[in-house]
Amino acid sequence: MVSRLSKFSFAATVASSALVLVSGPVSNAVPDPVDTAVAAPASAPSRTPFEQLALKTLDQVVKGNFVAVSARFDEPIRQEGNPAVLANAWKEYQNQLGFGRYQSHGDPRQVVSGDRTVVDIPLHMARQPGDFRVVFDGKGHIEGLWFLKKGAPVPQELVTRS
């Protein structure tokens, strides 16, 4: 079984979103009905609750909100990892391990096994791609968090309990 501390080692990504705001009178924002073309509304891909939580976690890591992330740690990880440990791991991943600064991320991928959910998010870093992996228990607490090389396989012990 992987030790809790090694589960906490290296992994992270960021969730980014865009919002377009219209300024000016509402009548200026409504298209002219004569030239209106019918188009299907743009829709974001449907995300599972754990994918959404993983994206939120990554976003908080990227923004440096390590207190919010560590508040969701399960009890064993909370005893070993704290906001400073997480901040140092993220800094080391970007600087000393050669991945470079975070640029963006890809779509999350989820694996469920029993009461455990593993979510991987591809990271687009300045120098080389990576992966952010987070493991949640059934209540949404974080059991493990890693900043990884791109394509690192999910260890069997993360998806099966001994």
Protein backbone atom coordinates (compact mmCIF):
# COMPACT_ATOMS: atom_id res chain seq x y z
CA MET A 1 0.00 0.00 0.00
CA VAL A 2 1.23 3.49 -0.80
CA SER A 3 2.07 5.54 2.28
CA ARG A 4 -0.09 8.57 2.92
CA LEU A 5 2.88 10.92 2.60
CA SER A 6 3.86 9.56 -0.81
CA LYS A 7 0.24 9.98 -1.89
CA PHE A 8 0.62 13.65 -1.11
CA SER A 9 3.72 14.15 -3.21
CA PHE A 10 3.53 15.61 -6.72
CA ALA A 11 0.37 16.54 -8.78
CA ALA A 12 -1.61 19.63 -9.85
CA THR A 13 -3.56 21.49 -12.52
CA VAL A 14 -5.82 24.47 -12.87
CA ALA A 15 -9.36 25.01 -13.84
CA SER A 16 -9.89 28.04 -15.97
CA SER A 17 -13.09 29.52 -17.23
CA ALA A 18 -14.18 32.51 -19.24
CA LEU A 19 -17.22 34.73 -18.91
CA VAL A 20 -18.28 37.19 -21.58
CA LEU A 21 -20.11 40.25 -20.31
CA VAL A 22 -22.09 42.64 -22.47
CA SER A 23 -21.99 46.31 -21.61
CA GLY A 24 -24.36 48.98 -22.82
CA PRO A 25 -28.12 48.90 -23.23
CA VAL A 26 -29.71 45.49 -23.51
CA SER A 27 -31.22 46.44 -26.88
CA ASN A 28 -27.67 46.73 -28.28
CA ALA A 29 -26.90 43.20 -27.12
CA VAL A 30 -29.92 41.62 -28.82
CA PRO A 31 -29.32 40.66 -32.46
CA ASP A 32 -31.43 42.16 -35.25
CA PRO A 33 -34.22 39.62 -35.93
CA VAL A 34 -33.89 40.08 -39.71
CA ASP A 35 -30.32 38.77 -39.79
CA THR A 36 -30.66 36.17 -37.04
CA ALA A 37 -29.34 32.69 -37.78
CA VAL A 38 -30.45 29.76 -35.66
CA ALA A 39 -27.55 28.14 -33.86
CA ALA A 40 -27.39 25.51 -31.15
CA PRO A 41 -26.38 26.96 -27.79
CA ALA A 42 -22.80 26.33 -26.79
CA SER A 43 -22.60 23.80 -24.01
CA ALA A 44 -19.77 22.79 -21.76
CA PRO A 45 -19.05 19.09 -21.50
CA SER A 46 -21.06 17.38 -18.79
CA ARG A 47 -18.85 16.86 -15.76
CA THR A 48 -19.32 14.46 -12.87
CA PRO A 49 -19.37 15.96 -9.37
CA PHE A 50 -15.88 14.56 -8.70
CA GLU A 51 -14.51 15.97 -11.98
CA GLN A 52 -15.93 19.36 -10.98
CA LEU A 53 -14.36 19.05 -7.53
CA ALA A 54 -11.00 18.07 -9.07
CA LEU A 55 -11.13 21.10 -11.38
CA LYS A 56 -11.98 23.34 -8.42
CA THR A 57 -9.08 21.83 -6.46
CA LEU A 58 -6.68 22.45 -9.33
CA ASP A 59 -7.94 26.01 -9.70
CA GLN A 60 -7.28 26.62 -6.01
CA VAL A 61 -3.77 25.18 -6.30
CA VAL A 62 -2.97 27.37 -9.30
CA LYS A 63 -4.30 30.46 -7.52
CA GLY A 64 -2.25 29.62 -4.42
CA ASN A 65 -5.25 28.95 -2.19
CA PHE A 66 -3.58 26.02 -0.42
CA VAL A 67 -5.60 26.55 2.77
CA ALA A 68 -8.86 25.81 0.91
CA VAL A 69 -7.39 22.67 -0.67
CA SER A 70 -5.95 21.32 2.57
CA ALA A 71 -9.27 21.94 4.34
CA ARG A 72 -10.70 19.11 2.19
CA PHE A 73 -7.96 16.61 3.11
CA ASP A 74 -9.14 13.48 4.90
CA GLU A 75 -7.88 13.14 8.48
CA PRO A 76 -4.75 11.02 7.81
CA ILE A 77 -3.49 13.42 5.13
CA ARG A 78 -4.41 16.46 7.20
CA GLN A 79 -2.04 15.17 9.89
CA GLU A 80 0.86 14.83 7.41
CA GLY A 81 0.18 17.59 4.90
CA ASN A 82 -0.61 21.22 5.46
CA PRO A 83 -0.91 24.28 3.22
CA ALA A 84 2.84 24.94 3.37
CA VAL A 85 3.69 21.37 2.31
CA LEU A 86 1.27 21.63 -0.63
CA ALA A 87 2.61 25.06 -1.63
CA ASN A 88 6.18 23.74 -1.60
CA ALA A 89 5.24 20.68 -3.67
CA TRP A 90 3.55 22.88 -6.32
CA LYS A 91 6.51 25.27 -6.40
CA GLU A 92 9.00 22.40 -6.72
CA TYR A 93 6.94 20.78 -9.50
CA GLN A 94 7.02 23.97 -11.55
CA ASN A 95 10.56 25.15 -10.82
CA GLN A 96 12.94 22.39 -9.77
CA LEU A 97 11.45 19.48 -11.70
CA GLY A 98 11.44 21.39 -14.97
CA PHE A 99 7.74 21.54 -15.83
CA GLY A 100 7.62 25.32 -15.84
CA ARG A 101 4.70 27.55 -14.98
CA TYR A 102 1.14 26.37 -15.36
CA GLN A 103 -0.46 27.46 -18.67
CA SER A 104 -3.79 25.59 -18.87
CA HIS A 105 -5.32 22.13 -18.51
CA GLY A 106 -7.23 19.53 -20.47
CA ASP A 107 -10.42 17.62 -19.72
CA PRO A 108 -10.52 15.53 -16.53
CA ARG A 109 -10.63 11.73 -16.65
CA GLN A 110 -12.27 9.78 -13.83
CA VAL A 111 -11.85 6.21 -12.52
CA VAL A 112 -14.22 4.94 -9.80
CA SER A 113 -13.57 1.92 -7.60
CA GLY A 114 -15.79 1.25 -4.62
CA ASP A 115 -15.94 4.36 -2.43
CA ARG A 116 -12.87 5.91 -4.06
CA THR A 117 -12.68 8.16 -7.15
CA VAL A 118 -9.46 9.02 -8.96
CA VAL A 119 -9.49 12.05 -11.27
CA ASP A 120 -6.59 12.92 -13.60
CA ILE A 121 -6.35 16.29 -15.32
CA PRO A 122 -3.75 16.83 -18.07
CA LEU A 123 -1.63 19.92 -17.41
CA HIS A 124 -0.21 22.20 -20.06
CA MET A 125 2.92 23.59 -18.43
CA ALA A 126 5.44 26.06 -19.93
CA ARG A 127 8.23 23.52 -20.53
CA GLN A 128 6.61 20.08 -20.62
CA PRO A 129 3.16 18.55 -20.09
CA GLY A 130 2.17 16.99 -16.80
CA ASP A 131 -0.80 15.51 -14.95
CA PHE A 132 -2.67 16.50 -11.81
CA ARG A 133 -4.14 13.53 -9.94
CA VAL A 134 -6.48 13.71 -6.98
CA VAL A 135 -8.19 10.85 -5.12
CA PHE A 136 -11.49 11.45 -3.32
CA ASP A 137 -13.33 9.31 -0.79
CA GLY A 138 -17.10 8.87 -1.10
CA LYS A 139 -17.72 12.08 0.86
CA GLY A 140 -15.48 14.21 -1.35
CA HIS A 141 -12.51 14.39 1.04
CA ILE A 142 -9.09 14.31 -0.59
CA GLU A 143 -7.22 11.05 0.11
CA GLY A 144 -4.30 11.76 -2.22
CA LEU A 145 -2.94 14.54 -4.43
CA TRP A 146 -0.08 14.36 -6.95
CA PHE A 147 1.72 16.48 -9.54
CA LEU A 148 2.92 13.95 -12.12
CA LYS A 149 4.69 13.42 -15.41
CA LYS A 150 2.30 13.18 -18.35
CA GLY A 151 0.68 9.77 -18.72
CA ALA A 152 1.66 8.33 -15.33
CA PRO A 153 -0.53 5.22 -14.87
CA VAL A 154 -2.97 4.99 -11.98
CA PRO A 155 -1.43 2.50 -9.52
CA GLN A 156 -3.66 -0.48 -8.80
CA GLU A 157 -3.63 0.25 -5.05
CA LEU A 158 -5.39 3.57 -5.71
CA VAL A 159 -8.39 1.91 -7.30
CA THR A 160 -8.58 -1.22 -5.16
CA ARG A 161 -8.53 -1.55 -1.40
CA SER A 162 -6.49 -4.26 0.28
